[in-house]
Amino acid sequence: MAENSLAANVKPIAAGAHVTAAAFLGDVPLFALGDGTALLLDAGNEKRIVLHPDAAILVAARADKRLITGGDDGRILAMNAGGSVEEIFHTDGAWIDALAGRDDGSIAWSSGREVGARDPQGAIKHFSAPSSVRGLAYTPKGYRLAVAHYNGATLWFPNAAAPPEVFAWKGAHLDVTVSPDGRFLVTSMQENALHGWRIADQQDMRMSGYPAKTRSFSWSGDGHWLATSGAEACIVWSFKDKDGPMKKAPRECGARRARVSRVAFHPKALVIAVGYEDGWILLCRLTDGAEILVRKPQSEAHDPVSTLVWADDGRRLLFGTVEGNAGVLAMP
């Protein structure tokens, strides 16, 4: 267990509601909350903005310098660091199930089987997936979207006439991610496993053995490692070689008697922020397994870490929990 501690460097924040997501908009930290509001920390001052009145924020993502939120009211909103809000899209009331954003301002969302993609100029294209969509992610290069659904995943070019490319694997696929170098497509599955494909030739890769579903994964900055939740340790797979993790045992770090709920790789170092279902947070160094304590909850109550996100420069870490506890870690 971690003997060193950065707990004194954490500013605790009473978010007051389930923390759906967190993000940095430039230097401004903010939290998207399950009660339909956003909490901004501008120059250390807390500011609350109602985004979805009488509705919950189900999903949220950063797109360039705006926070994108989707609610059970069917609305997709974009808010900047100053608190200005724009409605991007609204359904006929169907819930927003997934969101993705990228640094050029592109936004994607799903509601049931329907997927929408809005480019930086504001043009919106639509695509009907084979079944309900649970996960979305942009590829690092090109205007292309990865879509997770039942029996596989699809890569879709919203602006291309070519048909979407389907990556088939039987079962329910939940979240989706693409490696930073664009070589690998990975999904989490209902069956307590990950499934991957080498995009160039659709070579399958199965990563199993989890005691629970993986609902959080994060790539190292160099794209060589994928950290994942779903076990009583952070499970880290190697993707450095052309065959990815095949025939390689994963690494483990941060082993505790509590399941990992969220993971976030530091943007510049081989250090992983690991959040647990009991509210603990550790920093784990992949090279030697060293651990540093970030948060040890005051209470023994079950309060899973629901979000972890680093600032782009790696100097600050935001966290939030299911019960509305949050904080900002300032690295020394």
C-alpha atoms as a PDB file:
ATOM      1  CA  MET A   1       0.000   0.000   0.000  1.00  0.00           C
ATOM      2  CA  ALA A   2       1.087   3.538  -0.687  1.00  0.00           C
ATOM      3  CA  GLU A   3       3.194   5.048   2.109  1.00  0.00           C
ATOM      4  CA  ASN A   4       3.815   8.409   0.436  1.00  0.00           C
ATOM      5  CA  SER A   5       0.919  10.833   0.245  1.00  0.00           C
ATOM      6  CA  LEU A   6      -0.175  13.853  -1.780  1.00  0.00           C
ATOM      7  CA  ALA A   7      -3.417  14.199   0.169  1.00  0.00           C
ATOM      8  CA  ALA A   8      -2.267  17.558   1.565  1.00  0.00           C
ATOM      9  CA  ASN A   9      -2.107  18.863  -2.026  1.00  0.00           C
ATOM     10  CA  VAL A  10      -5.810  18.118  -2.635  1.00  0.00           C
ATOM     11  CA  LYS A  11      -8.455  20.834  -2.454  1.00  0.00           C
ATOM     12  CA  PRO A  12     -11.714  19.052  -1.540  1.00  0.00           C
ATOM     13  CA  ILE A  13     -14.921  20.228  -3.194  1.00  0.00           C
ATOM     14  CA  ALA A  14     -18.506  19.492  -2.174  1.00  0.00           C
ATOM     15  CA  ALA A  15     -20.068  18.939  -5.580  1.00  0.00           C
ATOM     16  CA  GLY A  16     -23.375  17.960  -3.992  1.00  0.00           C
ATOM     17  CA  ALA A  17     -24.481  15.518  -6.696  1.00  0.00           C
ATOM     18  CA  HIS A  18     -23.191  12.555  -8.648  1.00  0.00           C
ATOM     19  CA  VAL A  19     -20.130  13.704 -10.616  1.00  0.00           C
ATOM     20  CA  THR A  20     -20.794  12.522 -14.166  1.00  0.00           C
ATOM     21  CA  ALA A  21     -17.596  13.929 -15.658  1.00  0.00           C
ATOM     22  CA  ALA A  22     -14.889  16.547 -15.193  1.00  0.00           C
ATOM     23  CA  ALA A  23     -12.769  18.599 -17.564  1.00  0.00           C
ATOM     24  CA  PHE A  24     -10.345  21.481 -17.846  1.00  0.00           C
ATOM     25  CA  LEU A  25     -11.445  24.271 -20.176  1.00  0.00           C
ATOM     26  CA  GLY A  26      -8.102  26.007 -20.526  1.00  0.00           C
ATOM     27  CA  ASP A  27      -7.116  26.614 -16.900  1.00  0.00           C
ATOM     28  CA  VAL A  28     -10.676  26.409 -15.568  1.00  0.00           C
ATOM     29  CA  PRO A  29     -11.653  23.122 -13.867  1.00  0.00           C
ATOM     30  CA  LEU A  30     -15.287  22.102 -13.981  1.00  0.00           C
ATOM     31  CA  PHE A  31     -17.568  19.236 -13.070  1.00  0.00           C
ATOM     32  CA  ALA A  32     -20.711  18.019 -14.854  1.00  0.00           C
ATOM     33  CA  LEU A  33     -23.197  16.822 -12.250  1.00  0.00           C
ATOM     34  CA  GLY A  34     -26.053  14.374 -12.263  1.00  0.00           C
ATOM     35  CA  ASP A  35     -28.490  17.024 -11.059  1.00  0.00           C
ATOM     36  CA  GLY A  36     -28.227  18.835 -14.400  1.00  0.00           C
ATOM     37  CA  THR A  37     -25.776  21.513 -13.298  1.00  0.00           C
ATOM     38  CA  ALA A  38     -22.124  22.341 -13.941  1.00  0.00           C
ATOM     39  CA  LEU A  39     -19.723  23.475 -11.233  1.00  0.00           C
ATOM     40  CA  LEU A  40     -16.871  25.750 -12.359  1.00  0.00           C
ATOM     41  CA  LEU A  41     -13.853  26.742 -10.291  1.00  0.00           C
ATOM     42  CA  ASP A  42     -12.841  30.083 -11.773  1.00  0.00           C
ATOM     43  CA  ALA A  43      -9.865  31.613  -9.924  1.00  0.00           C
ATOM     44  CA  GLY A  44     -10.778  29.373  -7.012  1.00  0.00           C
ATOM     45  CA  ASN A  45     -14.362  30.652  -6.821  1.00  0.00           C
ATOM     46  CA  GLU A  46     -17.187  28.163  -7.240  1.00  0.00           C
ATOM     47  CA  LYS A  47     -19.866  28.973  -9.795  1.00  0.00           C
ATOM     48  CA  ARG A  48     -22.876  26.764 -10.489  1.00  0.00           C
ATOM     49  CA  ILE A  49     -24.718  26.878 -13.794  1.00  0.00           C
ATOM     50  CA  VAL A  50     -28.004  25.090 -14.499  1.00  0.00           C
ATOM     51  CA  LEU A  51     -27.691  23.350 -17.859  1.00  0.00           C
ATOM     52  CA  HIS A  52     -30.508  20.797 -17.878  1.00  0.00           C
ATOM     53  CA  PRO A  53     -33.372  22.000 -15.636  1.00  0.00           C
ATOM     54  CA  ASP A  54     -35.323  19.102 -14.136  1.00  0.00           C
ATOM     55  CA  ALA A  55     -33.064  16.622 -15.940  1.00  0.00           C
ATOM     56  CA  ALA A  56     -29.884  14.670 -15.275  1.00  0.00           C
ATOM     57  CA  ILE A  57     -26.583  14.988 -17.121  1.00  0.00           C
ATOM     58  CA  LEU A  58     -25.999  11.423 -18.272  1.00  0.00           C
ATOM     59  CA  VAL A  59     -22.810  11.929 -20.298  1.00  0.00           C
ATOM     60  CA  ALA A  60     -20.307  14.729 -20.863  1.00  0.00           C
ATOM     61  CA  ALA A  61     -17.125  15.300 -22.843  1.00  0.00           C
ATOM     62  CA  ARG A  62     -14.729  18.098 -23.691  1.00  0.00           C
ATOM     63  CA  ALA A  63     -14.584  19.412 -27.260  1.00  0.00           C
ATOM     64  CA  ASP A  64     -11.864  22.023 -27.734  1.00  0.00           C
ATOM     65  CA  LYS A  65     -12.598  24.716 -25.128  1.00  0.00           C
ATOM     66  CA  ARG A  66     -16.181  23.708 -24.406  1.00  0.00           C
ATOM     67  CA  LEU A  67     -17.875  21.129 -22.225  1.00  0.00           C
ATOM     68  CA  ILE A  68     -20.527  19.099 -24.073  1.00  0.00           C
ATOM     69  CA  THR A  69     -23.338  17.591 -21.998  1.00  0.00           C
ATOM     70  CA  GLY A  70     -26.138  15.182 -22.846  1.00  0.00           C
ATOM     71  CA  GLY A  71     -29.154  14.636 -20.649  1.00  0.00           C
ATOM     72  CA  ASP A  72     -32.211  12.492 -20.147  1.00  0.00           C
ATOM     73  CA  ASP A  73     -34.129  15.460 -21.585  1.00  0.00           C
ATOM     74  CA  GLY A  74     -32.705  14.655 -25.032  1.00  0.00           C
ATOM     75  CA  ARG A  75     -30.717  17.897 -25.232  1.00  0.00           C
ATOM     76  CA  ILE A  76     -27.044  18.339 -26.096  1.00  0.00           C
ATOM     77  CA  LEU A  77     -25.502  21.551 -24.792  1.00  0.00           C
ATOM     78  CA  ALA A  78     -22.077  23.192 -25.111  1.00  0.00           C
ATOM     79  CA  MET A  79     -20.709  25.486 -22.394  1.00  0.00           C
ATOM     80  CA  ASN A  80     -17.498  27.530 -22.428  1.00  0.00           C
ATOM     81  CA  ALA A  81     -15.324  28.535 -19.465  1.00  0.00           C
ATOM     82  CA  GLY A  82     -17.237  31.797 -19.113  1.00  0.00           C
ATOM     83  CA  GLY A  83     -20.509  29.956 -18.584  1.00  0.00           C
ATOM     84  CA  SER A  84     -22.090  30.760 -21.960  1.00  0.00           C
ATOM     85  CA  VAL A  85     -24.308  27.911 -23.168  1.00  0.00           C
ATOM     86  CA  GLU A  86     -25.380  26.865 -26.678  1.00  0.00           C
ATOM     87  CA  GLU A  87     -27.836  24.133 -27.599  1.00  0.00           C
ATOM     88  CA  ILE A  88     -26.225  21.861 -30.186  1.00  0.00           C
ATOM     89  CA  PHE A  89     -29.033  19.385 -30.830  1.00  0.00           C
ATOM     90  CA  HIS A  90     -32.149  17.939 -29.283  1.00  0.00           C
ATOM     91  CA  THR A  91     -33.946  14.672 -29.873  1.00  0.00           C
ATOM     92  CA  ASP A  92     -37.668  14.052 -29.524  1.00  0.00           C
ATOM     93  CA  GLY A  93     -36.982  13.439 -25.853  1.00  0.00           C
ATOM     94  CA  ALA A  94     -34.942  10.243 -26.178  1.00  0.00           C
ATOM     95  CA  TRP A  95     -32.006  10.030 -23.765  1.00  0.00           C
ATOM     96  CA  ILE A  96     -28.494  10.863 -24.903  1.00  0.00           C
ATOM     97  CA  ASP A  97     -26.524   7.644 -24.372  1.00  0.00           C
ATOM     98  CA  ALA A  98     -22.976   8.560 -25.413  1.00  0.00           C
ATOM     99  CA  LEU A  99     -20.891  11.601 -26.318  1.00  0.00           C
ATOM    100  CA  ALA A 100     -17.460  12.214 -27.829  1.00  0.00           C
ATOM    101  CA  GLY A 101     -15.533  15.396 -28.505  1.00  0.00           C
ATOM    102  CA  ARG A 102     -12.189  16.318 -29.995  1.00  0.00           C
ATOM    103  CA  ASP A 103      -9.788  19.244 -29.888  1.00  0.00           C
ATOM    104  CA  ASP A 104     -10.953  20.736 -33.198  1.00  0.00           C
ATOM    105  CA  GLY A 105     -14.448  21.209 -31.748  1.00  0.00           C
ATOM    106  CA  SER A 106     -16.079  18.192 -33.412  1.00  0.00           C
ATOM    107  CA  ILE A 107     -18.893  16.579 -31.414  1.00  0.00           C
ATOM    108  CA  ALA A 108     -20.605  13.192 -31.722  1.00  0.00           C
ATOM    109  CA  TRP A 109     -23.555  11.739 -29.839  1.00  0.00           C
ATOM    110  CA  SER A 110     -25.872   8.757 -29.827  1.00  0.00           C
ATOM    111  CA  SER A 111     -29.477   8.155 -28.850  1.00  0.00           C
ATOM    112  CA  GLY A 112     -30.626   4.574 -29.285  1.00  0.00           C
ATOM    113  CA  ARG A 113     -29.360   3.461 -32.689  1.00  0.00           C
ATOM    114  CA  GLU A 114     -29.016   6.984 -34.064  1.00  0.00           C
ATOM    115  CA  VAL A 115     -25.585   8.627 -34.180  1.00  0.00           C
ATOM    116  CA  GLY A 116     -24.978  12.292 -34.963  1.00  0.00           C
ATOM    117  CA  ALA A 117     -21.676  13.977 -35.808  1.00  0.00           C
ATOM    118  CA  ARG A 118     -21.157  17.753 -35.921  1.00  0.00           C
ATOM    119  CA  ASP A 119     -17.988  19.071 -37.564  1.00  0.00           C
ATOM    120  CA  PRO A 120     -16.178  22.274 -36.481  1.00  0.00           C
ATOM    121  CA  GLN A 121     -18.170  24.288 -39.047  1.00  0.00           C
ATOM    122  CA  GLY A 122     -21.467  23.118 -37.561  1.00  0.00           C
ATOM    123  CA  ALA A 123     -22.538  20.663 -40.282  1.00  0.00           C
ATOM    124  CA  ILE A 124     -24.353  17.637 -38.851  1.00  0.00           C
ATOM    125  CA  LYS A 125     -24.436  14.156 -40.374  1.00  0.00           C
ATOM    126  CA  HIS A 126     -26.397  11.132 -39.147  1.00  0.00           C
ATOM    127  CA  PHE A 127     -25.866   7.377 -39.162  1.00  0.00           C
ATOM    128  CA  SER A 128     -28.072   4.486 -37.999  1.00  0.00           C
ATOM    129  CA  ALA A 129     -26.055   1.773 -36.268  1.00  0.00           C
ATOM    130  CA  PRO A 130     -27.055  -1.917 -36.379  1.00  0.00           C
ATOM    131  CA  SER A 131     -28.279  -1.687 -32.750  1.00  0.00           C
ATOM    132  CA  SER A 132     -28.281   0.675 -29.777  1.00  0.00           C
ATOM    133  CA  VAL A 133     -24.983   2.518 -29.395  1.00  0.00           C
ATOM    134  CA  ARG A 134     -23.223   2.455 -26.026  1.00  0.00           C
ATOM    135  CA  GLY A 135     -19.862   4.031 -26.817  1.00  0.00           C
ATOM    136  CA  LEU A 136     -18.332   6.615 -29.156  1.00  0.00           C
ATOM    137  CA  ALA A 137     -14.752   7.760 -29.790  1.00  0.00           C
ATOM    138  CA  TYR A 138     -13.022   9.794 -32.469  1.00  0.00           C
ATOM    139  CA  THR A 139      -9.976   8.364 -34.182  1.00  0.00           C
ATOM    140  CA  PRO A 140      -6.831  10.485 -33.673  1.00  0.00           C
ATOM    141  CA  LYS A 141      -6.380  11.167 -37.382  1.00  0.00           C
ATOM    142  CA  GLY A 142      -9.047  12.064 -39.902  1.00  0.00           C
ATOM    143  CA  TYR A 143     -12.680  12.890 -39.280  1.00  0.00           C
ATOM    144  CA  ARG A 144     -13.684   9.342 -38.353  1.00  0.00           C
ATOM    145  CA  LEU A 145     -15.827   7.971 -35.553  1.00  0.00           C
ATOM    146  CA  ALA A 146     -15.689   4.633 -33.713  1.00  0.00           C
ATOM    147  CA  VAL A 147     -19.116   3.330 -32.665  1.00  0.00           C
ATOM    148  CA  ALA A 148     -19.675   0.441 -30.214  1.00  0.00           C
ATOM    149  CA  HIS A 149     -22.870  -1.612 -30.498  1.00  0.00           C
ATOM    150  CA  TYR A 150     -24.162  -5.178 -30.245  1.00  0.00           C
ATOM    151  CA  ASN A 151     -21.988  -7.727 -32.080  1.00  0.00           C
ATOM    152  CA  GLY A 152     -19.078  -5.402 -32.725  1.00  0.00           C
ATOM    153  CA  ALA A 153     -18.018  -1.888 -33.607  1.00  0.00           C
ATOM    154  CA  THR A 154     -18.157   0.351 -36.660  1.00  0.00           C
ATOM    155  CA  LEU A 155     -15.782   2.965 -38.059  1.00  0.00           C
ATOM    156  CA  TRP A 156     -17.696   5.734 -39.828  1.00  0.00           C
ATOM    157  CA  PHE A 157     -16.448   8.644 -41.938  1.00  0.00           C
ATOM    158  CA  PRO A 158     -19.303  11.196 -41.612  1.00  0.00           C
ATOM    159  CA  ASN A 159     -18.138  13.159 -44.658  1.00  0.00           C
ATOM    160  CA  ALA A 160     -17.338  10.200 -46.915  1.00  0.00           C
ATOM    161  CA  ALA A 161     -19.609   8.368 -49.343  1.00  0.00           C
ATOM    162  CA  ALA A 162     -17.932   5.032 -48.524  1.00  0.00           C
ATOM    163  CA  PRO A 163     -20.004   2.687 -46.346  1.00  0.00           C
ATOM    164  CA  PRO A 164     -19.024   2.326 -42.671  1.00  0.00           C
ATOM    165  CA  GLU A 165     -16.453  -0.372 -41.886  1.00  0.00           C
ATOM    166  CA  VAL A 166     -17.801  -3.038 -39.515  1.00  0.00           C
ATOM    167  CA  PHE A 167     -15.592  -4.892 -37.006  1.00  0.00           C
ATOM    168  CA  ALA A 168     -17.560  -7.943 -35.952  1.00  0.00           C
ATOM    169  CA  TRP A 169     -17.376  -9.882 -32.697  1.00  0.00           C
ATOM    170  CA  LYS A 170     -20.370 -11.569 -31.074  1.00  0.00           C
ATOM    171  CA  GLY A 171     -21.640 -10.024 -27.848  1.00  0.00           C
ATOM    172  CA  ALA A 172     -22.611  -6.692 -26.294  1.00  0.00           C
ATOM    173  CA  HIS A 173     -19.937  -4.009 -26.722  1.00  0.00           C
ATOM    174  CA  LEU A 174     -20.104  -1.055 -24.329  1.00  0.00           C
ATOM    175  CA  ASP A 175     -17.339   1.559 -24.448  1.00  0.00           C
ATOM    176  CA  VAL A 176     -14.891   2.096 -27.299  1.00  0.00           C
ATOM    177  CA  THR A 177     -11.449   3.639 -27.709  1.00  0.00           C
ATOM    178  CA  VAL A 178      -8.823   4.006 -30.448  1.00  0.00           C
ATOM    179  CA  SER A 179      -5.092   3.990 -29.755  1.00  0.00           C
ATOM    180  CA  PRO A 180      -3.318   7.350 -30.125  1.00  0.00           C
ATOM    181  CA  ASP A 181      -1.381   6.050 -33.138  1.00  0.00           C
ATOM    182  CA  GLY A 182      -4.612   4.900 -34.801  1.00  0.00           C
ATOM    183  CA  ARG A 183      -3.533   1.247 -35.075  1.00  0.00           C
ATOM    184  CA  PHE A 184      -5.920  -0.432 -32.645  1.00  0.00           C
ATOM    185  CA  LEU A 185      -9.645  -0.362 -31.904  1.00  0.00           C
ATOM    186  CA  VAL A 186     -10.704  -1.651 -28.453  1.00  0.00           C
ATOM    187  CA  THR A 187     -14.122  -2.139 -26.854  1.00  0.00           C
ATOM    188  CA  SER A 188     -15.272  -3.155 -23.393  1.00  0.00           C
ATOM    189  CA  MET A 189     -17.893  -5.886 -23.251  1.00  0.00           C
ATOM    190  CA  GLN A 190     -20.847  -6.995 -21.162  1.00  0.00           C
ATOM    191  CA  GLU A 191     -19.039 -10.315 -20.771  1.00  0.00           C
ATOM    192  CA  ASN A 192     -16.331  -8.882 -18.432  1.00  0.00           C
ATOM    193  CA  ALA A 193     -13.723  -8.708 -21.190  1.00  0.00           C
ATOM    194  CA  LEU A 194     -12.152  -6.377 -23.698  1.00  0.00           C
ATOM    195  CA  HIS A 195     -12.050  -7.022 -27.407  1.00  0.00           C
ATOM    196  CA  GLY A 196      -9.617  -5.433 -29.812  1.00  0.00           C
ATOM    197  CA  TRP A 197      -8.913  -5.284 -33.506  1.00  0.00           C
ATOM    198  CA  ARG A 198      -5.854  -4.251 -35.457  1.00  0.00           C
ATOM    199  CA  ILE A 199      -7.529  -1.714 -37.722  1.00  0.00           C
ATOM    200  CA  ALA A 200      -5.364  -2.387 -40.775  1.00  0.00           C
ATOM    201  CA  ASP A 201      -6.485  -6.031 -41.192  1.00  0.00           C
ATOM    202  CA  GLN A 202      -9.203  -6.521 -38.488  1.00  0.00           C
ATOM    203  CA  GLN A 203      -7.057  -9.070 -36.633  1.00  0.00           C
ATOM    204  CA  ASP A 204      -8.957  -9.973 -33.435  1.00  0.00           C
ATOM    205  CA  MET A 205      -7.543  -9.592 -29.928  1.00  0.00           C
ATOM    206  CA  ARG A 206      -9.368 -10.816 -26.835  1.00  0.00           C
ATOM    207  CA  MET A 207      -8.444  -9.624 -23.334  1.00  0.00           C
ATOM    208  CA  SER A 208     -10.356 -11.570 -20.684  1.00  0.00           C
ATOM    209  CA  GLY A 209     -10.118 -12.615 -17.036  1.00  0.00           C
ATOM    210  CA  TYR A 210     -11.801  -9.572 -15.461  1.00  0.00           C
ATOM    211  CA  PRO A 211     -14.059 -10.195 -12.434  1.00  0.00           C
ATOM    212  CA  ALA A 212     -16.239  -7.213 -13.412  1.00  0.00           C
ATOM    213  CA  LYS A 213     -17.024  -5.081 -16.441  1.00  0.00           C
ATOM    214  CA  THR A 214     -14.391  -2.649 -17.645  1.00  0.00           C
ATOM    215  CA  ARG A 215     -16.026   0.785 -17.839  1.00  0.00           C
ATOM    216  CA  SER A 216     -12.910   2.952 -17.824  1.00  0.00           C
ATOM    217  CA  PHE A 217      -9.756   2.817 -19.916  1.00  0.00           C
ATOM    218  CA  SER A 218      -6.964   5.242 -20.682  1.00  0.00           C
ATOM    219  CA  TRP A 219      -3.991   5.250 -23.076  1.00  0.00           C
ATOM    220  CA  SER A 220      -0.483   6.282 -22.140  1.00  0.00           C
ATOM    221  CA  GLY A 221       0.743   9.371 -23.948  1.00  0.00           C
ATOM    222  CA  ASP A 222       3.012   7.304 -26.197  1.00  0.00           C
ATOM    223  CA  GLY A 223       0.151   4.901 -27.044  1.00  0.00           C
ATOM    224  CA  HIS A 224       2.110   1.853 -25.873  1.00  0.00           C
ATOM    225  CA  TRP A 225      -0.078   1.002 -22.857  1.00  0.00           C
ATOM    226  CA  LEU A 226      -3.815   0.762 -22.131  1.00  0.00           C
ATOM    227  CA  ALA A 227      -4.849   1.027 -18.472  1.00  0.00           C
ATOM    228  CA  THR A 228      -8.218  -0.489 -17.532  1.00  0.00           C
ATOM    229  CA  SER A 229     -10.669  -0.835 -14.636  1.00  0.00           C
ATOM    230  CA  GLY A 230     -12.722  -3.891 -13.669  1.00  0.00           C
ATOM    231  CA  ALA A 231     -10.449  -5.719 -11.207  1.00  0.00           C
ATOM    232  CA  GLU A 232      -8.911  -5.242  -7.753  1.00  0.00           C
ATOM    233  CA  ALA A 233      -5.903  -3.683  -9.469  1.00  0.00           C
ATOM    234  CA  CYS A 234      -5.351  -1.503 -12.510  1.00  0.00           C
ATOM    235  CA  ILE A 235      -4.808  -3.904 -15.426  1.00  0.00           C
ATOM    236  CA  VAL A 236      -2.434  -2.520 -18.069  1.00  0.00           C
ATOM    237  CA  TRP A 237      -2.057  -4.084 -21.528  1.00  0.00           C
ATOM    238  CA  SER A 238       0.887  -3.559 -23.866  1.00  0.00           C
ATOM    239  CA  PHE A 239       0.149  -2.296 -27.391  1.00  0.00           C
ATOM    240  CA  LYS A 240       3.715  -1.407 -28.351  1.00  0.00           C
ATOM    241  CA  ASP A 241       4.201  -4.226 -30.878  1.00  0.00           C
ATOM    242  CA  LYS A 242       2.248  -4.936 -34.058  1.00  0.00           C
ATOM    243  CA  ASP A 243       0.284  -7.775 -32.416  1.00  0.00           C
ATOM    244  CA  GLY A 244      -0.757  -5.648 -29.464  1.00  0.00           C
ATOM    245  CA  PRO A 245      -1.354  -7.575 -26.228  1.00  0.00           C
ATOM    246  CA  MET A 246      -1.587 -11.023 -27.786  1.00  0.00           C
ATOM    247  CA  LYS A 247       0.489 -13.712 -26.025  1.00  0.00           C
ATOM    248  CA  LYS A 248       1.539 -11.170 -23.381  1.00  0.00           C
ATOM    249  CA  ALA A 249       0.452 -11.096 -19.756  1.00  0.00           C
ATOM    250  CA  PRO A 250      -0.831  -7.697 -18.652  1.00  0.00           C
ATOM    251  CA  ARG A 251       0.817  -5.705 -15.919  1.00  0.00           C
ATOM    252  CA  GLU A 252      -0.959  -4.884 -12.673  1.00  0.00           C
ATOM    253  CA  CYS A 253      -0.552  -1.931 -10.337  1.00  0.00           C
ATOM    254  CA  GLY A 254      -2.397  -0.481  -7.383  1.00  0.00           C
ATOM    255  CA  ALA A 255      -3.661  -3.833  -6.070  1.00  0.00           C
ATOM    256  CA  ARG A 256      -6.143  -3.372  -3.197  1.00  0.00           C
ATOM    257  CA  ARG A 257      -9.169  -5.105  -1.710  1.00  0.00           C
ATOM    258  CA  ALA A 258     -11.466  -2.867  -3.705  1.00  0.00           C
ATOM    259  CA  ARG A 259     -12.267  -2.833  -7.391  1.00  0.00           C
ATOM    260  CA  VAL A 260     -10.897  -0.138  -9.637  1.00  0.00           C
ATOM    261  CA  SER A 261     -13.663   2.102 -11.015  1.00  0.00           C
ATOM    262  CA  ARG A 262     -11.711   4.775 -12.958  1.00  0.00           C
ATOM    263  CA  VAL A 263      -8.254   5.118 -14.500  1.00  0.00           C
ATOM    264  CA  ALA A 264      -6.419   8.035 -16.122  1.00  0.00           C
ATOM    265  CA  PHE A 265      -2.891   7.980 -17.541  1.00  0.00           C
ATOM    266  CA  HIS A 266      -0.777  11.064 -16.912  1.00  0.00           C
ATOM    267  CA  PRO A 267      -0.378  12.888 -20.263  1.00  0.00           C
ATOM    268  CA  LYS A 268       3.426  13.044 -20.097  1.00  0.00           C
ATOM    269  CA  ALA A 269       4.628  10.266 -17.757  1.00  0.00           C
ATOM    270  CA  LEU A 270       4.039   6.557 -17.201  1.00  0.00           C
ATOM    271  CA  VAL A 271       1.929   7.308 -14.130  1.00  0.00           C
ATOM    272  CA  ILE A 272      -1.696   6.237 -13.747  1.00  0.00           C
ATOM    273  CA  ALA A 273      -4.315   7.830 -11.515  1.00  0.00           C
ATOM    274  CA  VAL A 274      -6.392   4.938 -10.160  1.00  0.00           C
ATOM    275  CA  GLY A 275      -9.773   5.431  -8.479  1.00  0.00           C
ATOM    276  CA  TYR A 276     -11.566   2.691  -6.552  1.00  0.00           C
ATOM    277  CA  GLU A 277     -15.117   1.762  -5.648  1.00  0.00           C
ATOM    278  CA  ASP A 278     -14.447   2.659  -1.998  1.00  0.00           C
ATOM    279  CA  GLY A 279     -13.391   6.194  -2.939  1.00  0.00           C
ATOM    280  CA  TRP A 280      -9.634   5.770  -2.636  1.00  0.00           C
ATOM    281  CA  ILE A 281      -7.335   7.303  -5.254  1.00  0.00           C
ATOM    282  CA  LEU A 282      -3.704   6.328  -5.865  1.00  0.00           C
ATOM    283  CA  LEU A 283      -1.039   7.374  -8.326  1.00  0.00           C
ATOM    284  CA  CYS A 284       0.820   4.330  -9.646  1.00  0.00           C
ATOM    285  CA  ARG A 285       4.102   4.471 -11.555  1.00  0.00           C
ATOM    286  CA  LEU A 286       4.107   1.812 -14.238  1.00  0.00           C
ATOM    287  CA  THR A 287       7.886   1.422 -14.457  1.00  0.00           C
ATOM    288  CA  ASP A 288       8.399   0.186 -10.889  1.00  0.00           C
ATOM    289  CA  GLY A 289       4.920  -0.118  -9.342  1.00  0.00           C
ATOM    290  CA  ALA A 290       5.522   2.731  -6.850  1.00  0.00           C
ATOM    291  CA  GLU A 291       2.330   4.126  -5.292  1.00  0.00           C
ATOM    292  CA  ILE A 292       1.391   7.517  -3.850  1.00  0.00           C
ATOM    293  CA  LEU A 293      -1.845   8.139  -1.961  1.00  0.00           C
ATOM    294  CA  VAL A 294      -4.031  10.959  -3.284  1.00  0.00           C
ATOM    295  CA  ARG A 295      -7.283  10.389  -1.411  1.00  0.00           C
ATOM    296  CA  LYS A 296      -8.383   8.242   1.522  1.00  0.00           C
ATOM    297  CA  PRO A 297     -12.080   8.883   2.284  1.00  0.00           C
ATOM    298  CA  GLN A 298     -13.064   9.997   5.766  1.00  0.00           C
ATOM    299  CA  SER A 299     -16.027   7.624   5.708  1.00  0.00           C
ATOM    300  CA  GLU A 300     -16.224   3.885   5.093  1.00  0.00           C
ATOM    301  CA  ALA A 301     -19.362   4.405   2.988  1.00  0.00           C
ATOM    302  CA  HIS A 302     -19.423   2.969  -0.546  1.00  0.00           C
ATOM    303  CA  ASP A 303     -18.617   5.947  -2.795  1.00  0.00           C
ATOM    304  CA  PRO A 304     -17.010   4.911  -6.103  1.00  0.00           C
ATOM    305  CA  VAL A 305     -14.751   7.306  -7.959  1.00  0.00           C
ATOM    306  CA  SER A 306     -16.762   8.243 -11.062  1.00  0.00           C
ATOM    307  CA  THR A 307     -14.329  10.503 -12.926  1.00  0.00           C
ATOM    308  CA  LEU A 308     -10.598  11.219 -13.143  1.00  0.00           C
ATOM    309  CA  VAL A 309      -9.034  13.672 -15.574  1.00  0.00           C
ATOM    310  CA  TRP A 310      -5.608  15.304 -15.867  1.00  0.00           C
ATOM    311  CA  ALA A 311      -4.889  18.800 -17.083  1.00  0.00           C
ATOM    312  CA  ASP A 312      -3.100  18.778 -20.433  1.00  0.00           C
ATOM    313  CA  ASP A 313       0.188  19.767 -18.768  1.00  0.00           C
ATOM    314  CA  GLY A 314      -0.156  17.043 -16.120  1.00  0.00           C
ATOM    315  CA  ARG A 315       0.097  19.505 -13.223  1.00  0.00           C
ATOM    316  CA  ARG A 316      -3.435  19.010 -11.878  1.00  0.00           C
ATOM    317  CA  LEU A 317      -5.862  16.116 -11.487  1.00  0.00           C
ATOM    318  CA  LEU A 318      -9.636  16.407 -11.098  1.00  0.00           C
ATOM    319  CA  PHE A 319     -11.688  13.688  -9.430  1.00  0.00           C
ATOM    320  CA  GLY A 320     -15.310  13.138  -8.514  1.00  0.00           C
ATOM    321  CA  THR A 321     -17.420  10.426  -6.925  1.00  0.00           C
ATOM    322  CA  VAL A 322     -20.890   8.949  -7.173  1.00  0.00           C
ATOM    323  CA  GLU A 323     -21.982  10.591  -3.906  1.00  0.00           C
ATOM    324  CA  GLY A 324     -20.897  14.085  -4.961  1.00  0.00           C
ATOM    325  CA  ASN A 325     -17.451  14.363  -3.408  1.00  0.00           C
ATOM    326  CA  ALA A 326     -14.819  15.978  -5.627  1.00  0.00           C
ATOM    327  CA  GLY A 327     -11.418  17.616  -5.550  1.00  0.00           C
ATOM    328  CA  VAL A 328      -8.403  19.021  -7.347  1.00  0.00           C
ATOM    329  CA  LEU A 329      -4.915  17.641  -6.825  1.00  0.00           C
ATOM    330  CA  ALA A 330      -2.081  20.116  -7.504  1.00  0.00           C
ATOM    331  CA  MET A 331       1.131  18.249  -8.261  1.00  0.00           C
ATOM    332  CA  PRO A 332       4.186  19.514  -6.357  1.00  0.00           C
END
